[in-house]
Amino acid sequence: MPEGKIVKALSGFYYVYRDGVLIQCRGRGVFRKNKITPLVGDNVIFQAENETDGYVLEIKERKNELVRPPIANVDQSILVFSATEPGFSTTLLDRFLVLVEFNHIQPLICITKMDLLNEDEKQKIEQYATEYKSAGYDVILTSSEKDVGLELLKPHLQNKISVFAGQSGVGKSSLLNALRPGLELKTNDISSHLGRGKHTTRHVELIEIGNGLVADTPGFSSLEFLEIDPEQLTFCFPDLEKASENCKFRGCLHVKEPKCGVKDAVENGILPKYRYEHYLDFLQEIKERKPRY
C-alpha cells in the first residue's frame, strides 16, 4: 500500500500528497469508531483508485501533535509577533513559547512590521531581541513591506514542517505571501475598533515554500496551560532551566525557596526580570487551575 502525507483537511476530506500528486481521501469508519482523527502532517497509508476517490487506512506514529491548531509531526513553530499594531507583548510571547517548548517543538521568534517604528521604538525591540537570543532563541526581525529579514528566515524552513503562529493581525499571511510570491493568501487590516486583526485563515493547510512545508493556521485559539504541571514549567523556560542548575534544592519552584539559582540570576541581572515575573504568573495560573475529571 502507498504512503503519503496529509497536507490539507477540509469538510471531511483528507488531501494526501505523494510523489507530486494530491489525492482526495476519506478516513476509514474505524477511525471514527476509535475516536481517532487524521491530522494535517500525518504520514499515512492509503489506497486510491484515482485522485478523487481514496481512503486513509492507517496513521503512522506521530512525533507530536497540537490540538489547536490541529496538526501533527511539527518540526518548528515560527512565532510571528508584530513590533506594533498590535503592540509587542512579552507576556503573550512567553505564553506561546511555553506551549511550544512543552510540545517539544523548536521555536523561532519572528518580529514583523519593523518598518513602522521610529528610532526609539526600534531600539526597544532590538533590546528585546537581544534578550531572547540570550535566552537561547533564534530571533529574526522582518518587514514584509520592505522585504527585510526574509532571506534570513528562508533557510530555517528547509526540509521541515513549520507552523506559523501568533495573534491575529500580526502579519502572518503577509509574511507567507512575501516568502512565496503568487500565494495570495487573504490578509485583513487591523480592526481599529477592536485593535486586533480579524481571522483570515479558516483551515489548516501545508503550503510548500522552498524545500519545506509551512502551515498557515488559524493560530492558537487556546493558550491555556491545561497539560503542564507546576514542576514542568521551569523546563519550558530554557534560560530559567539553566539558572536552576544552581538551585540548592531539587524540585525548587523558584518562589520562596532559599538559595535559588533562578532568583539569584534575576537579582544579578543575568535573567530579565519580566521573564521571571511571567514564570511566576504562569505558575500561579497552573496551581489555580481547576482539576479535570
C-alpha atoms as a PDB file:
ATOM      1  CA  MET A   1       0.000   0.000   0.000  1.00  0.00           C
ATOM      2  CA  PRO A   2       1.321   3.512  -0.806  1.00  0.00           C
ATOM      3  CA  GLU A   3       2.336   6.036   1.877  1.00  0.00           C
ATOM      4  CA  GLY A   4       1.797   9.787   1.759  1.00  0.00           C
ATOM      5  CA  LYS A   5       1.371  12.886   3.926  1.00  0.00           C
ATOM      6  CA  ILE A   6      -1.887  14.693   4.685  1.00  0.00           C
ATOM      7  CA  VAL A   7      -1.348  18.297   3.628  1.00  0.00           C
ATOM      8  CA  LYS A   8      -4.925  19.595   3.929  1.00  0.00           C
ATOM      9  CA  ALA A   9      -8.084  18.618   5.814  1.00  0.00           C
ATOM     10  CA  LEU A  10     -11.368  20.169   4.739  1.00  0.00           C
ATOM     11  CA  SER A  11     -15.046  19.182   5.057  1.00  0.00           C
ATOM     12  CA  GLY A  12     -14.338  15.560   5.973  1.00  0.00           C
ATOM     13  CA  PHE A  13     -11.777  15.047   3.180  1.00  0.00           C
ATOM     14  CA  TYR A  14      -8.054  14.474   3.678  1.00  0.00           C
ATOM     15  CA  TYR A  15      -5.770  15.535   0.856  1.00  0.00           C
ATOM     16  CA  VAL A  16      -2.794  13.171   0.740  1.00  0.00           C
ATOM     17  CA  TYR A  17       0.378  14.217  -1.076  1.00  0.00           C
ATOM     18  CA  ARG A  18       2.594  11.591  -2.693  1.00  0.00           C
ATOM     19  CA  ASP A  19       5.177  11.923  -5.482  1.00  0.00           C
ATOM     20  CA  GLY A  20       3.882  15.288  -6.648  1.00  0.00           C
ATOM     21  CA  VAL A  21       0.228  14.170  -6.745  1.00  0.00           C
ATOM     22  CA  LEU A  22      -2.578  15.265  -4.409  1.00  0.00           C
ATOM     23  CA  ILE A  23      -5.167  12.553  -3.709  1.00  0.00           C
ATOM     24  CA  GLN A  24      -8.539  13.297  -2.097  1.00  0.00           C
ATOM     25  CA  CYS A  25      -9.286  10.687   0.580  1.00  0.00           C
ATOM     26  CA  ARG A  26     -11.840   9.901   3.238  1.00  0.00           C
ATOM     27  CA  GLY A  27     -10.975   8.369   6.608  1.00  0.00           C
ATOM     28  CA  ARG A  28     -11.961   4.786   7.356  1.00  0.00           C
ATOM     29  CA  GLY A  29     -15.019   4.337   9.569  1.00  0.00           C
ATOM     30  CA  VAL A  30     -12.825   2.610  12.161  1.00  0.00           C
ATOM     31  CA  PHE A  31     -11.131   5.960  12.905  1.00  0.00           C
ATOM     32  CA  ARG A  32     -14.447   7.478  13.972  1.00  0.00           C
ATOM     33  CA  LYS A  33     -15.308   4.371  15.949  1.00  0.00           C
ATOM     34  CA  ASN A  34     -11.976   4.543  17.816  1.00  0.00           C
ATOM     35  CA  LYS A  35     -12.212   8.351  18.139  1.00  0.00           C
ATOM     36  CA  ILE A  36      -9.075   8.866  16.041  1.00  0.00           C
ATOM     37  CA  THR A  37      -8.914  11.942  13.822  1.00  0.00           C
ATOM     38  CA  PRO A  38      -6.381  12.057  10.968  1.00  0.00           C
ATOM     39  CA  LEU A  39      -4.453  15.343  11.157  1.00  0.00           C
ATOM     40  CA  VAL A  40      -2.648  17.543   8.681  1.00  0.00           C
ATOM     41  CA  GLY A  41       1.022  16.486   8.881  1.00  0.00           C
ATOM     42  CA  ASP A  42       0.175  12.818   9.453  1.00  0.00           C
ATOM     43  CA  ASN A  43       2.133  10.237   7.490  1.00  0.00           C
ATOM     44  CA  VAL A  44      -0.476   7.736   6.337  1.00  0.00           C
ATOM     45  CA  ILE A  45      -1.005   4.513   4.419  1.00  0.00           C
ATOM     46  CA  PHE A  46      -3.825   4.875   1.907  1.00  0.00           C
ATOM     47  CA  GLN A  47      -5.417   3.258  -1.097  1.00  0.00           C
ATOM     48  CA  ALA A  48      -6.929   5.054  -4.087  1.00  0.00           C
ATOM     49  CA  GLU A  49      -8.401   4.071  -7.431  1.00  0.00           C
ATOM     50  CA  ASN A  50      -7.929   7.632  -8.717  1.00  0.00           C
ATOM     51  CA  GLU A  51      -7.055  11.149  -7.496  1.00  0.00           C
ATOM     52  CA  THR A  52     -10.526  11.874  -6.082  1.00  0.00           C
ATOM     53  CA  ASP A  53     -11.571   8.568  -4.533  1.00  0.00           C
ATOM     54  CA  GLY A  54      -9.151   7.321  -1.878  1.00  0.00           C
ATOM     55  CA  TYR A  55      -9.233   6.058   1.707  1.00  0.00           C
ATOM     56  CA  VAL A  56      -6.800   6.633   4.572  1.00  0.00           C
ATOM     57  CA  LEU A  57      -6.185   3.159   6.037  1.00  0.00           C
ATOM     58  CA  GLU A  58      -3.565   3.730   8.715  1.00  0.00           C
ATOM     59  CA  ILE A  59      -1.904   6.637  10.515  1.00  0.00           C
ATOM     60  CA  LYS A  60       1.810   6.215  11.214  1.00  0.00           C
ATOM     61  CA  GLU A  61       3.156   7.058  14.673  1.00  0.00           C
ATOM     62  CA  ARG A  62       3.274  10.797  15.393  1.00  0.00           C
ATOM     63  CA  LYS A  63       6.259  12.530  16.987  1.00  0.00           C
ATOM     64  CA  ASN A  64       3.948  15.272  18.331  1.00  0.00           C
ATOM     65  CA  GLU A  65       0.522  16.756  17.797  1.00  0.00           C
ATOM     66  CA  LEU A  66      -1.177  20.045  18.533  1.00  0.00           C
ATOM     67  CA  VAL A  67      -4.871  20.302  19.357  1.00  0.00           C
ATOM     68  CA  ARG A  68      -5.301  23.916  18.289  1.00  0.00           C
ATOM     69  CA  PRO A  69      -4.248  24.223  15.526  1.00  0.00           C
ATOM     70  CA  PRO A  70      -4.887  20.508  14.760  1.00  0.00           C
ATOM     71  CA  ILE A  71      -1.611  19.396  13.170  1.00  0.00           C
ATOM     72  CA  ALA A  72       0.921  16.582  13.701  1.00  0.00           C
ATOM     73  CA  ASN A  73       4.668  15.997  13.253  1.00  0.00           C
ATOM     74  CA  VAL A  74       5.627  19.660  13.553  1.00  0.00           C
ATOM     75  CA  ASP A  75       9.381  20.382  13.467  1.00  0.00           C
ATOM     76  CA  GLN A  76       9.277  24.049  14.423  1.00  0.00           C
ATOM     77  CA  SER A  77       6.940  26.902  15.218  1.00  0.00           C
ATOM     78  CA  ILE A  78       7.572  30.344  13.757  1.00  0.00           C
ATOM     79  CA  LEU A  79       6.070  32.652  16.385  1.00  0.00           C
ATOM     80  CA  VAL A  80       5.074  35.777  14.493  1.00  0.00           C
ATOM     81  CA  PHE A  81       4.734  38.897  16.639  1.00  0.00           C
ATOM     82  CA  SER A  82       4.381  42.442  15.376  1.00  0.00           C
ATOM     83  CA  ALA A  83       6.575  45.224  16.680  1.00  0.00           C
ATOM     84  CA  THR A  84       3.495  47.472  16.555  1.00  0.00           C
ATOM     85  CA  GLU A  85      -0.185  47.368  15.512  1.00  0.00           C
ATOM     86  CA  PRO A  86      -0.819  45.301  17.664  1.00  0.00           C
ATOM     87  CA  GLY A  87       1.958  46.224  20.086  1.00  0.00           C
ATOM     88  CA  PHE A  88       4.717  43.783  21.035  1.00  0.00           C
ATOM     89  CA  SER A  89       3.815  41.751  24.142  1.00  0.00           C
ATOM     90  CA  THR A  90       6.476  39.765  26.002  1.00  0.00           C
ATOM     91  CA  THR A  91       3.717  38.218  28.169  1.00  0.00           C
ATOM     92  CA  LEU A  92       1.924  36.786  25.150  1.00  0.00           C
ATOM     93  CA  LEU A  93       5.195  35.742  23.513  1.00  0.00           C
ATOM     94  CA  ASP A  94       6.288  33.870  26.648  1.00  0.00           C
ATOM     95  CA  ARG A  95       2.887  32.146  26.790  1.00  0.00           C
ATOM     96  CA  PHE A  96       3.355  30.915  23.203  1.00  0.00           C
ATOM     97  CA  LEU A  97       6.958  29.880  23.924  1.00  0.00           C
ATOM     98  CA  VAL A  98       5.918  27.803  26.958  1.00  0.00           C
ATOM     99  CA  LEU A  99       3.288  25.918  24.926  1.00  0.00           C
ATOM    100  CA  VAL A 100       5.718  25.296  22.060  1.00  0.00           C
ATOM    101  CA  GLU A 101       8.511  24.150  24.393  1.00  0.00           C
ATOM    102  CA  PHE A 102       6.092  21.842  26.241  1.00  0.00           C
ATOM    103  CA  ASN A 103       5.181  20.183  22.920  1.00  0.00           C
ATOM    104  CA  HIS A 104       8.889  19.643  22.101  1.00  0.00           C
ATOM    105  CA  ILE A 105       8.712  21.890  19.056  1.00  0.00           C
ATOM    106  CA  GLN A 106      11.632  24.130  18.112  1.00  0.00           C
ATOM    107  CA  PRO A 107      10.537  27.800  18.352  1.00  0.00           C
ATOM    108  CA  LEU A 108      11.747  30.679  16.195  1.00  0.00           C
ATOM    109  CA  ILE A 109      10.683  34.237  17.037  1.00  0.00           C
ATOM    110  CA  CYS A 110       9.832  36.448  14.071  1.00  0.00           C
ATOM    111  CA  ILE A 111       9.063  40.111  14.794  1.00  0.00           C
ATOM    112  CA  THR A 112       7.259  41.839  11.913  1.00  0.00           C
ATOM    113  CA  LYS A 113       6.425  45.432  10.876  1.00  0.00           C
ATOM    114  CA  MET A 114       9.866  46.783  11.850  1.00  0.00           C
ATOM    115  CA  ASP A 115       9.462  49.424   9.114  1.00  0.00           C
ATOM    116  CA  LEU A 116       6.661  51.123  11.112  1.00  0.00           C
ATOM    117  CA  LEU A 117       8.867  52.006  14.109  1.00  0.00           C
ATOM    118  CA  ASN A 118      10.655  55.231  14.976  1.00  0.00           C
ATOM    119  CA  GLU A 119      14.255  55.040  16.177  1.00  0.00           C
ATOM    120  CA  ASP A 120      13.452  54.781  19.911  1.00  0.00           C
ATOM    121  CA  GLU A 121      10.846  52.060  19.336  1.00  0.00           C
ATOM    122  CA  LYS A 122      13.266  50.185  17.096  1.00  0.00           C
ATOM    123  CA  GLN A 123      15.972  50.223  19.783  1.00  0.00           C
ATOM    124  CA  LYS A 124      13.499  48.852  22.337  1.00  0.00           C
ATOM    125  CA  ILE A 125      12.511  45.927  20.074  1.00  0.00           C
ATOM    126  CA  GLU A 126      16.178  45.240  19.271  1.00  0.00           C
ATOM    127  CA  GLN A 127      16.871  45.088  23.027  1.00  0.00           C
ATOM    128  CA  TYR A 128      14.107  42.506  23.452  1.00  0.00           C
ATOM    129  CA  ALA A 129      15.551  40.553  20.514  1.00  0.00           C
ATOM    130  CA  THR A 130      18.974  40.523  22.204  1.00  0.00           C
ATOM    131  CA  GLU A 131      17.449  39.282  25.487  1.00  0.00           C
ATOM    132  CA  TYR A 132      15.516  36.459  23.797  1.00  0.00           C
ATOM    133  CA  LYS A 133      18.635  35.432  21.870  1.00  0.00           C
ATOM    134  CA  SER A 134      20.482  35.283  25.216  1.00  0.00           C
ATOM    135  CA  ALA A 135      17.675  33.026  26.487  1.00  0.00           C
ATOM    136  CA  GLY A 136      18.535  30.595  23.674  1.00  0.00           C
ATOM    137  CA  TYR A 137      16.026  31.508  20.967  1.00  0.00           C
ATOM    138  CA  ASP A 138      16.545  32.384  17.311  1.00  0.00           C
ATOM    139  CA  VAL A 139      15.064  35.825  16.611  1.00  0.00           C
ATOM    140  CA  ILE A 140      14.544  37.398  13.182  1.00  0.00           C
ATOM    141  CA  LEU A 141      13.358  40.989  12.657  1.00  0.00           C
ATOM    142  CA  THR A 142      11.347  41.405   9.456  1.00  0.00           C
ATOM    143  CA  SER A 143       9.289  43.706   7.289  1.00  0.00           C
ATOM    144  CA  SER A 144       7.149  42.122   4.568  1.00  0.00           C
ATOM    145  CA  GLU A 145       6.544  45.555   3.014  1.00  0.00           C
ATOM    146  CA  LYS A 146      10.256  46.404   2.763  1.00  0.00           C
ATOM    147  CA  ASP A 147      11.414  42.805   2.106  1.00  0.00           C
ATOM    148  CA  VAL A 148      13.642  42.909   5.216  1.00  0.00           C
ATOM    149  CA  GLY A 149      14.747  39.736   7.024  1.00  0.00           C
ATOM    150  CA  LEU A 150      13.034  37.300   4.648  1.00  0.00           C
ATOM    151  CA  GLU A 151      16.312  35.867   3.342  1.00  0.00           C
ATOM    152  CA  LEU A 152      17.311  35.120   6.955  1.00  0.00           C
ATOM    153  CA  LEU A 153      14.034  33.279   7.526  1.00  0.00           C
ATOM    154  CA  LYS A 154      14.028  31.081   4.394  1.00  0.00           C
ATOM    155  CA  PRO A 155      16.907  28.734   5.411  1.00  0.00           C
ATOM    156  CA  HIS A 156      15.056  27.894   8.643  1.00  0.00           C
ATOM    157  CA  LEU A 157      12.170  26.450   6.607  1.00  0.00           C
ATOM    158  CA  GLN A 158      14.247  23.921   4.641  1.00  0.00           C
ATOM    159  CA  ASN A 159      13.130  20.262   4.940  1.00  0.00           C
ATOM    160  CA  LYS A 160      10.855  20.971   7.928  1.00  0.00           C
ATOM    161  CA  ILE A 161       7.177  21.188   8.769  1.00  0.00           C
ATOM    162  CA  SER A 162       6.762  24.657  10.250  1.00  0.00           C
ATOM    163  CA  VAL A 163       3.726  26.200  11.927  1.00  0.00           C
ATOM    164  CA  PHE A 164       3.296  29.956  11.671  1.00  0.00           C
ATOM    165  CA  ALA A 165       1.503  31.034  14.843  1.00  0.00           C
ATOM    166  CA  GLY A 166       0.700  34.261  16.633  1.00  0.00           C
ATOM    167  CA  GLN A 167      -2.229  36.503  17.454  1.00  0.00           C
ATOM    168  CA  SER A 168      -4.310  37.674  14.507  1.00  0.00           C
ATOM    169  CA  GLY A 169      -3.335  40.899  12.782  1.00  0.00           C
ATOM    170  CA  VAL A 170       0.433  40.496  13.213  1.00  0.00           C
ATOM    171  CA  GLY A 171       1.076  39.803   9.527  1.00  0.00           C
ATOM    172  CA  LYS A 172       1.386  36.009   9.257  1.00  0.00           C
ATOM    173  CA  SER A 173      -0.352  35.859   5.881  1.00  0.00           C
ATOM    174  CA  SER A 174       1.568  38.909   4.594  1.00  0.00           C
ATOM    175  CA  LEU A 175       4.814  37.207   5.596  1.00  0.00           C
ATOM    176  CA  LEU A 176       3.895  33.980   3.792  1.00  0.00           C
ATOM    177  CA  ASN A 177       2.836  35.940   0.705  1.00  0.00           C
ATOM    178  CA  ALA A 178       6.240  37.673   0.727  1.00  0.00           C
ATOM    179  CA  LEU A 179       8.086  34.348   1.180  1.00  0.00           C
ATOM    180  CA  ARG A 180       6.222  32.794  -1.735  1.00  0.00           C
ATOM    181  CA  PRO A 181       5.065  35.429  -4.239  1.00  0.00           C
ATOM    182  CA  GLY A 182       1.889  34.370  -6.036  1.00  0.00           C
ATOM    183  CA  LEU A 183       0.497  32.584  -2.993  1.00  0.00           C
ATOM    184  CA  GLU A 184      -2.072  35.369  -2.479  1.00  0.00           C
ATOM    185  CA  LEU A 185      -3.245  34.348   0.982  1.00  0.00           C
ATOM    186  CA  LYS A 186      -6.040  36.599   2.175  1.00  0.00           C
ATOM    187  CA  THR A 187      -4.953  39.349   4.558  1.00  0.00           C
ATOM    188  CA  ASN A 188      -7.043  41.739   6.612  1.00  0.00           C
ATOM    189  CA  ASP A 189      -6.239  45.084   8.121  1.00  0.00           C
ATOM    190  CA  ILE A 190      -6.425  45.652  11.854  1.00  0.00           C
ATOM    191  CA  SER A 191      -9.887  46.497  13.104  1.00  0.00           C
ATOM    192  CA  SER A 192      -9.448  49.964  14.612  1.00  0.00           C
ATOM    193  CA  HIS A 193     -12.450  49.338  16.866  1.00  0.00           C
ATOM    194  CA  LEU A 194     -11.027  46.151  18.397  1.00  0.00           C
ATOM    195  CA  GLY A 195      -7.325  46.889  17.943  1.00  0.00           C
ATOM    196  CA  ARG A 196      -6.756  43.421  16.570  1.00  0.00           C
ATOM    197  CA  GLY A 197      -6.941  41.615  13.261  1.00  0.00           C
ATOM    198  CA  LYS A 198      -9.814  39.530  12.010  1.00  0.00           C
ATOM    199  CA  HIS A 199      -9.097  35.853  11.429  1.00  0.00           C
ATOM    200  CA  THR A 200      -8.405  35.285   7.735  1.00  0.00           C
ATOM    201  CA  THR A 201      -7.366  31.624   7.883  1.00  0.00           C
ATOM    202  CA  ARG A 202     -10.145  29.063   8.246  1.00  0.00           C
ATOM    203  CA  HIS A 203      -8.499  25.661   7.860  1.00  0.00           C
ATOM    204  CA  VAL A 204      -5.075  24.102   8.321  1.00  0.00           C
ATOM    205  CA  GLU A 205      -3.102  23.519   5.150  1.00  0.00           C
ATOM    206  CA  LEU A 206       0.553  22.752   4.457  1.00  0.00           C
ATOM    207  CA  ILE A 207       1.999  25.043   1.817  1.00  0.00           C
ATOM    208  CA  GLU A 208       5.257  24.300   0.012  1.00  0.00           C
ATOM    209  CA  ILE A 209       7.813  27.092   0.498  1.00  0.00           C
ATOM    210  CA  GLY A 210      11.319  26.356  -0.720  1.00  0.00           C
ATOM    211  CA  ASN A 211      12.071  22.782   0.303  1.00  0.00           C
ATOM    212  CA  GLY A 212       9.841  22.918   3.359  1.00  0.00           C
ATOM    213  CA  LEU A 213       6.165  22.703   4.275  1.00  0.00           C
ATOM    214  CA  VAL A 214       4.546  25.565   6.156  1.00  0.00           C
ATOM    215  CA  ALA A 215       1.181  25.590   7.930  1.00  0.00           C
ATOM    216  CA  ASP A 216      -0.706  28.841   7.772  1.00  0.00           C
ATOM    217  CA  THR A 217      -3.034  28.170  10.685  1.00  0.00           C
ATOM    218  CA  PRO A 218      -5.874  29.994  12.403  1.00  0.00           C
ATOM    219  CA  GLY A 219      -3.463  30.426  15.327  1.00  0.00           C
ATOM    220  CA  PHE A 220      -3.653  29.001  18.834  1.00  0.00           C
ATOM    221  CA  SER A 221      -7.269  29.510  19.847  1.00  0.00           C
ATOM    222  CA  SER A 222      -6.415  28.147  23.284  1.00  0.00           C
ATOM    223  CA  LEU A 223      -3.416  29.488  25.163  1.00  0.00           C
ATOM    224  CA  GLU A 224      -4.205  27.808  28.467  1.00  0.00           C
ATOM    225  CA  PHE A 225      -1.700  25.588  30.264  1.00  0.00           C
ATOM    226  CA  LEU A 226      -4.048  22.636  30.519  1.00  0.00           C
ATOM    227  CA  GLU A 227      -1.435  19.874  30.408  1.00  0.00           C
ATOM    228  CA  ILE A 228       1.501  21.479  32.237  1.00  0.00           C
ATOM    229  CA  ASP A 229       2.224  20.629  35.880  1.00  0.00           C
ATOM    230  CA  PRO A 230       3.952  23.159  38.200  1.00  0.00           C
ATOM    231  CA  GLU A 231       7.148  21.040  38.282  1.00  0.00           C
ATOM    232  CA  GLN A 232       7.344  21.050  34.466  1.00  0.00           C
ATOM    233  CA  LEU A 233       7.097  24.793  33.946  1.00  0.00           C
ATOM    234  CA  THR A 234      10.790  25.579  34.557  1.00  0.00           C
ATOM    235  CA  PHE A 235      11.740  23.275  31.670  1.00  0.00           C
ATOM    236  CA  CYS A 236       9.591  25.402  29.331  1.00  0.00           C
ATOM    237  CA  PHE A 237      11.854  28.408  30.069  1.00  0.00           C
ATOM    238  CA  PRO A 238      15.327  27.352  28.814  1.00  0.00           C
ATOM    239  CA  ASP A 239      17.056  30.319  30.492  1.00  0.00           C
ATOM    240  CA  LEU A 240      15.384  29.566  33.848  1.00  0.00           C
ATOM    241  CA  GLU A 241      16.184  25.874  33.461  1.00  0.00           C
ATOM    242  CA  LYS A 242      19.875  26.721  33.002  1.00  0.00           C
ATOM    243  CA  ALA A 243      19.867  29.029  36.053  1.00  0.00           C
ATOM    244  CA  SER A 244      18.051  26.358  38.108  1.00  0.00           C
ATOM    245  CA  GLU A 245      21.170  24.176  37.943  1.00  0.00           C
ATOM    246  CA  ASN A 246      22.451  26.420  40.763  1.00  0.00           C
ATOM    247  CA  CYS A 247      19.395  25.859  42.988  1.00  0.00           C
ATOM    248  CA  LYS A 248      20.254  24.167  46.284  1.00  0.00           C
ATOM    249  CA  PHE A 249      17.057  22.130  46.415  1.00  0.00           C
ATOM    250  CA  ARG A 250      15.965  19.667  43.799  1.00  0.00           C
ATOM    251  CA  GLY A 251      12.423  20.414  42.631  1.00  0.00           C
ATOM    252  CA  CYS A 252      12.836  24.105  43.504  1.00  0.00           C
ATOM    253  CA  LEU A 253       9.918  26.133  42.105  1.00  0.00           C
ATOM    254  CA  HIS A 254      11.880  29.423  42.473  1.00  0.00           C
ATOM    255  CA  VAL A 255       9.253  31.157  44.627  1.00  0.00           C
ATOM    256  CA  LYS A 256      10.167  31.188  48.346  1.00  0.00           C
ATOM    257  CA  GLU A 257      12.871  28.523  48.458  1.00  0.00           C
ATOM    258  CA  PRO A 258      16.260  29.604  49.872  1.00  0.00           C
ATOM    259  CA  LYS A 259      19.475  29.529  47.797  1.00  0.00           C
ATOM    260  CA  CYS A 260      17.587  29.581  44.491  1.00  0.00           C
ATOM    261  CA  GLY A 261      19.743  29.902  41.363  1.00  0.00           C
ATOM    262  CA  VAL A 262      16.902  31.469  39.365  1.00  0.00           C
ATOM    263  CA  LYS A 263      16.232  34.264  41.891  1.00  0.00           C
ATOM    264  CA  ASP A 264      19.988  34.895  42.129  1.00  0.00           C
ATOM    265  CA  ALA A 265      20.208  35.177  38.316  1.00  0.00           C
ATOM    266  CA  VAL A 266      17.387  37.748  38.298  1.00  0.00           C
ATOM    267  CA  GLU A 267      18.984  39.791  41.107  1.00  0.00           C
ATOM    268  CA  ASN A 268      22.339  39.764  39.307  1.00  0.00           C
ATOM    269  CA  GLY A 269      20.812  40.906  36.012  1.00  0.00           C
ATOM    270  CA  ILE A 270      21.548  37.624  34.217  1.00  0.00           C
ATOM    271  CA  LEU A 271      17.844  36.849  33.719  1.00  0.00           C
ATOM    272  CA  PRO A 272      15.431  39.598  32.592  1.00  0.00           C
ATOM    273  CA  LYS A 273      13.017  40.376  35.412  1.00  0.00           C
ATOM    274  CA  TYR A 274       9.973  40.184  33.105  1.00  0.00           C
ATOM    275  CA  ARG A 275      10.770  36.570  32.147  1.00  0.00           C
ATOM    276  CA  TYR A 276      10.834  35.581  35.827  1.00  0.00           C
ATOM    277  CA  GLU A 277       7.626  37.535  36.533  1.00  0.00           C
ATOM    278  CA  HIS A 278       5.882  35.751  33.656  1.00  0.00           C
ATOM    279  CA  TYR A 279       7.076  32.421  35.079  1.00  0.00           C
ATOM    280  CA  LEU A 280       5.555  33.310  38.478  1.00  0.00           C
ATOM    281  CA  ASP A 281       2.264  34.403  36.864  1.00  0.00           C
ATOM    282  CA  PHE A 282       2.039  31.200  34.802  1.00  0.00           C
ATOM    283  CA  LEU A 283       2.934  29.070  37.840  1.00  0.00           C
ATOM    284  CA  GLN A 284       0.134  30.665  39.841  1.00  0.00           C
ATOM    285  CA  GLU A 285      -2.285  30.105  36.950  1.00  0.00           C
ATOM    286  CA  ILE A 286      -1.347  26.415  36.799  1.00  0.00           C
ATOM    287  CA  LYS A 287      -1.711  25.999  40.567  1.00  0.00           C
ATOM    288  CA  GLU A 288      -5.172  27.593  40.491  1.00  0.00           C
ATOM    289  CA  ARG A 289      -6.325  25.510  37.540  1.00  0.00           C
ATOM    290  CA  LYS A 290      -9.491  23.592  38.245  1.00  0.00           C
ATOM    291  CA  PRO A 291      -8.972  19.796  38.208  1.00  0.00           C
ATOM    292  CA  ARG A 292     -10.373  17.973  35.172  1.00  0.00           C
ATOM    293  CA  TYR A 293     -12.245  14.718  35.595  1.00  0.00           C
END
